[in-house]
């Protein structure tokens, strides 16, 4: 992956099947392992995100960049896409043409039904091959 995601942490809802699908996609799309992964509410999340900021965050995907910027909703997705291979970067650029308010509304629409769209996972961390396990933090 390229900037701006190098050294980033993606925090996800461990009880959400859609979030687990996003994590699996990221493991596939980021073979270099530039983005670390951890569940929301875990010790890494508490260490990287101040308490006052944690209170206002959604319980879905939260990206903390290597520079410490906290991104949520469509901004997090666009930042992740920007750091991927050429095809995904272009997809992110096209998606970036959508006004932020519309993109966030679409994100919120999916988030509202996300727990019905995919089955609830058995554990907070997805079952992944051994080499990918090293990318997860508590």
C-alpha atoms as a PDB file:
ATOM      1  CA  UNK A   1       0.000   0.000   0.000  1.00  0.00           C
ATOM      2  CA  UNK A   2       1.025   3.590  -0.446  1.00  0.00           C
ATOM      3  CA  UNK A   3       0.422   6.741   1.543  1.00  0.00           C
ATOM      4  CA  UNK A   4      -1.809   7.802   3.320  1.00  0.00           C
ATOM      5  CA  UNK A   5      -2.506   4.440   4.963  1.00  0.00           C
ATOM      6  CA  UNK A   6       1.040   3.376   5.796  1.00  0.00           C
ATOM      7  CA  UNK A   7       1.227   2.854   9.551  1.00  0.00           C
ATOM      8  CA  UNK A   8      -2.551   3.068   9.929  1.00  0.00           C
ATOM      9  CA  UNK A   9      -4.856   1.058  12.160  1.00  0.00           C
ATOM     10  CA  UNK A  10      -8.296  -0.007  11.016  1.00  0.00           C
ATOM     11  CA  UNK A  11     -10.640  -0.580  13.950  1.00  0.00           C
ATOM     12  CA  UNK A  12     -13.796  -2.566  13.290  1.00  0.00           C
ATOM     13  CA  UNK A  13     -16.868  -3.816  15.129  1.00  0.00           C
ATOM     14  CA  UNK A  14     -15.987  -7.369  16.128  1.00  0.00           C
ATOM     15  CA  UNK A  15     -19.682  -8.330  16.261  1.00  0.00           C
ATOM     16  CA  UNK A  16     -20.406  -7.220  12.688  1.00  0.00           C
ATOM     17  CA  UNK A  17     -20.270  -9.639   9.759  1.00  0.00           C
ATOM     18  CA  UNK A  18     -19.986  -6.793   7.219  1.00  0.00           C
ATOM     19  CA  UNK A  19     -17.019  -5.370   9.157  1.00  0.00           C
ATOM     20  CA  UNK A  20     -15.403  -8.823   9.058  1.00  0.00           C
ATOM     21  CA  UNK A  21     -15.926  -8.915   5.280  1.00  0.00           C
ATOM     22  CA  UNK A  22     -14.206  -5.520   5.026  1.00  0.00           C
ATOM     23  CA  UNK A  23     -11.300  -6.826   7.115  1.00  0.00           C
ATOM     24  CA  UNK A  24     -10.970  -9.886   4.871  1.00  0.00           C
ATOM     25  CA  UNK A  25     -11.018  -7.642   1.798  1.00  0.00           C
ATOM     26  CA  UNK A  26      -8.278  -5.473   3.288  1.00  0.00           C
ATOM     27  CA  UNK A  27      -6.142  -8.523   4.065  1.00  0.00           C
ATOM     28  CA  UNK A  28      -6.430  -9.513   0.401  1.00  0.00           C
ATOM     29  CA  UNK A  29      -5.956  -6.005  -1.040  1.00  0.00           C
ATOM     30  CA  UNK A  30      -3.050  -5.085   1.265  1.00  0.00           C
ATOM     31  CA  UNK A  31      -0.644  -8.007   0.930  1.00  0.00           C
ATOM     32  CA  UNK A  32       2.254  -5.908   2.297  1.00  0.00           C
ATOM     33  CA  UNK A  33       0.368  -5.479   5.567  1.00  0.00           C
ATOM     34  CA  UNK A  34       0.634  -1.693   5.785  1.00  0.00           C
ATOM     35  CA  UNK A  35      -2.620  -1.424   7.749  1.00  0.00           C
ATOM     36  CA  UNK A  36      -2.871  -3.033  11.180  1.00  0.00           C
ATOM     37  CA  UNK A  37      -6.245  -4.345  12.349  1.00  0.00           C
ATOM     38  CA  UNK A  38      -7.925  -4.358  15.759  1.00  0.00           C
ATOM     39  CA  UNK A  39     -11.456  -4.501  17.136  1.00  0.00           C
ATOM     40  CA  UNK A  40     -13.180  -1.401  18.457  1.00  0.00           C
ATOM     41  CA  UNK A  41     -13.018  -1.275  22.229  1.00  0.00           C
ATOM     42  CA  UNK A  42      -9.792  -3.303  22.407  1.00  0.00           C
ATOM     43  CA  UNK A  43      -6.703  -2.083  24.224  1.00  0.00           C
ATOM     44  CA  UNK A  44      -5.072  -0.834  20.993  1.00  0.00           C
ATOM     45  CA  UNK A  45      -8.155   1.269  20.230  1.00  0.00           C
ATOM     46  CA  UNK A  46      -8.086   2.743  23.741  1.00  0.00           C
ATOM     47  CA  UNK A  47      -4.374   3.472  23.448  1.00  0.00           C
ATOM     48  CA  UNK A  48      -4.540   5.124  19.988  1.00  0.00           C
ATOM     49  CA  UNK A  49      -7.788   7.093  20.321  1.00  0.00           C
ATOM     50  CA  UNK A  50      -8.354   9.564  23.183  1.00  0.00           C
ATOM     51  CA  UNK A  51     -11.420   8.945  25.378  1.00  0.00           C
ATOM     52  CA  UNK A  52     -13.174  12.169  24.334  1.00  0.00           C
ATOM     53  CA  UNK A  53     -12.868  11.193  20.677  1.00  0.00           C
ATOM     54  CA  UNK A  54     -13.909   7.556  21.254  1.00  0.00           C
ATOM     55  CA  UNK A  55     -17.252   8.722  22.661  1.00  0.00           C
ATOM     56  CA  UNK A  56     -18.310  10.370  19.392  1.00  0.00           C
ATOM     57  CA  UNK A  57     -17.195   7.589  17.032  1.00  0.00           C
ATOM     58  CA  UNK A  58     -19.519   5.091  15.326  1.00  0.00           C
ATOM     59  CA  UNK A  59     -19.264   1.395  16.178  1.00  0.00           C
ATOM     60  CA  UNK A  60     -18.327   0.385  12.651  1.00  0.00           C
ATOM     61  CA  UNK A  61     -15.076   1.152  10.787  1.00  0.00           C
ATOM     62  CA  UNK A  62     -12.634   3.706  12.197  1.00  0.00           C
ATOM     63  CA  UNK A  63      -9.286   4.392  10.518  1.00  0.00           C
ATOM     64  CA  UNK A  64      -6.464   6.011  12.489  1.00  0.00           C
ATOM     65  CA  UNK A  65      -3.744   7.053  10.052  1.00  0.00           C
ATOM     66  CA  UNK A  66      -0.038   6.816  10.775  1.00  0.00           C
ATOM     67  CA  UNK A  67      -0.142  10.584  11.378  1.00  0.00           C
ATOM     68  CA  UNK A  68      -2.872  10.119  14.019  1.00  0.00           C
ATOM     69  CA  UNK A  69      -5.794  11.454  11.984  1.00  0.00           C
ATOM     70  CA  UNK A  70      -9.077   9.711  12.859  1.00  0.00           C
ATOM     71  CA  UNK A  71     -11.296   8.984   9.845  1.00  0.00           C
ATOM     72  CA  UNK A  72     -14.753   7.457   9.831  1.00  0.00           C
ATOM     73  CA  UNK A  73     -17.495   6.579   7.380  1.00  0.00           C
ATOM     74  CA  UNK A  74     -16.773   7.397   3.738  1.00  0.00           C
ATOM     75  CA  UNK A  75     -13.547   9.278   4.585  1.00  0.00           C
ATOM     76  CA  UNK A  76     -12.063   6.077   6.047  1.00  0.00           C
ATOM     77  CA  UNK A  77     -13.093   4.001   3.030  1.00  0.00           C
ATOM     78  CA  UNK A  78     -11.693   6.566   0.572  1.00  0.00           C
ATOM     79  CA  UNK A  79      -8.390   6.761   2.465  1.00  0.00           C
ATOM     80  CA  UNK A  80      -8.051   2.980   2.394  1.00  0.00           C
ATOM     81  CA  UNK A  81      -8.820   2.841  -1.333  1.00  0.00           C
ATOM     82  CA  UNK A  82      -6.282   5.623  -1.998  1.00  0.00           C
ATOM     83  CA  UNK A  83      -3.559   3.445  -0.530  1.00  0.00           C
ATOM     84  CA  UNK A  84      -4.320   0.327  -2.540  1.00  0.00           C
ATOM     85  CA  UNK A  85      -3.339  -0.824  -6.007  1.00  0.00           C
ATOM     86  CA  UNK A  86      -4.029   1.262  -9.093  1.00  0.00           C
ATOM     87  CA  UNK A  87      -7.505  -0.160  -9.795  1.00  0.00           C
ATOM     88  CA  UNK A  88      -8.697   0.448  -6.247  1.00  0.00           C
ATOM     89  CA  UNK A  89      -7.153   3.937  -6.210  1.00  0.00           C
ATOM     90  CA  UNK A  90      -9.131   4.791  -9.333  1.00  0.00           C
ATOM     91  CA  UNK A  91     -12.303   3.373  -7.789  1.00  0.00           C
ATOM     92  CA  UNK A  92     -11.624   5.559  -4.753  1.00  0.00           C
ATOM     93  CA  UNK A  93     -11.108   8.625  -6.934  1.00  0.00           C
ATOM     94  CA  UNK A  94     -14.410   7.989  -8.698  1.00  0.00           C
ATOM     95  CA  UNK A  95     -16.170   7.451  -5.375  1.00  0.00           C
ATOM     96  CA  UNK A  96     -14.528  10.656  -4.140  1.00  0.00           C
ATOM     97  CA  UNK A  97     -16.497  12.587  -6.764  1.00  0.00           C
ATOM     98  CA  UNK A  98     -19.666  11.833  -4.813  1.00  0.00           C
ATOM     99  CA  UNK A  99     -20.396  14.668  -2.372  1.00  0.00           C
ATOM    100  CA  UNK A 100     -19.300  13.710   1.150  1.00  0.00           C
ATOM    101  CA  UNK A 101     -22.811  14.174   2.564  1.00  0.00           C
ATOM    102  CA  UNK A 102     -24.219  11.703   0.013  1.00  0.00           C
ATOM    103  CA  UNK A 103     -21.370   9.228   0.516  1.00  0.00           C
ATOM    104  CA  UNK A 104     -21.812   9.369   4.297  1.00  0.00           C
ATOM    105  CA  UNK A 105     -25.576   8.910   3.909  1.00  0.00           C
ATOM    106  CA  UNK A 106     -24.948   5.781   1.802  1.00  0.00           C
ATOM    107  CA  UNK A 107     -22.440   4.528   4.387  1.00  0.00           C
ATOM    108  CA  UNK A 108     -24.972   5.160   7.181  1.00  0.00           C
ATOM    109  CA  UNK A 109     -27.663   3.311   5.211  1.00  0.00           C
ATOM    110  CA  UNK A 110     -25.502   0.217   4.936  1.00  0.00           C
ATOM    111  CA  UNK A 111     -24.427   0.590   8.580  1.00  0.00           C
ATOM    112  CA  UNK A 112     -28.046   0.668   9.711  1.00  0.00           C
ATOM    113  CA  UNK A 113     -28.664  -2.799   8.252  1.00  0.00           C
ATOM    114  CA  UNK A 114     -25.160  -4.250   8.442  1.00  0.00           C
ATOM    115  CA  UNK A 115     -25.905  -6.744  11.189  1.00  0.00           C
ATOM    116  CA  UNK A 116     -28.667  -8.220   9.010  1.00  0.00           C
ATOM    117  CA  UNK A 117     -26.573  -8.277   5.818  1.00  0.00           C
ATOM    118  CA  UNK A 118     -23.987 -10.781   7.048  1.00  0.00           C
ATOM    119  CA  UNK A 119     -24.087 -13.334   9.855  1.00  0.00           C
ATOM    120  CA  UNK A 120     -22.647 -12.398  13.232  1.00  0.00           C
ATOM    121  CA  UNK A 121     -19.079 -13.689  13.514  1.00  0.00           C
ATOM    122  CA  UNK A 122     -18.108 -16.222  16.170  1.00  0.00           C
ATOM    123  CA  UNK A 123     -15.175 -14.113  17.431  1.00  0.00           C
ATOM    124  CA  UNK A 124     -14.006 -10.486  17.335  1.00  0.00           C
ATOM    125  CA  UNK A 125     -11.102 -11.362  15.021  1.00  0.00           C
ATOM    126  CA  UNK A 126     -11.945 -13.086  11.727  1.00  0.00           C
ATOM    127  CA  UNK A 127     -10.558 -16.554  11.116  1.00  0.00           C
ATOM    128  CA  UNK A 128      -7.626 -15.915   8.791  1.00  0.00           C
ATOM    129  CA  UNK A 129      -4.574 -17.850   7.571  1.00  0.00           C
ATOM    130  CA  UNK A 130      -1.605 -17.960   9.957  1.00  0.00           C
ATOM    131  CA  UNK A 131       0.553 -15.341   8.132  1.00  0.00           C
ATOM    132  CA  UNK A 132      -2.243 -12.745   8.338  1.00  0.00           C
ATOM    133  CA  UNK A 133      -2.780 -13.227  12.094  1.00  0.00           C
ATOM    134  CA  UNK A 134       0.291 -11.145  12.857  1.00  0.00           C
ATOM    135  CA  UNK A 135      -1.540  -8.066  11.513  1.00  0.00           C
ATOM    136  CA  UNK A 136      -4.123  -8.108  14.312  1.00  0.00           C
ATOM    137  CA  UNK A 137      -3.774  -6.319  17.629  1.00  0.00           C
ATOM    138  CA  UNK A 138      -5.914  -6.638  20.741  1.00  0.00           C
END
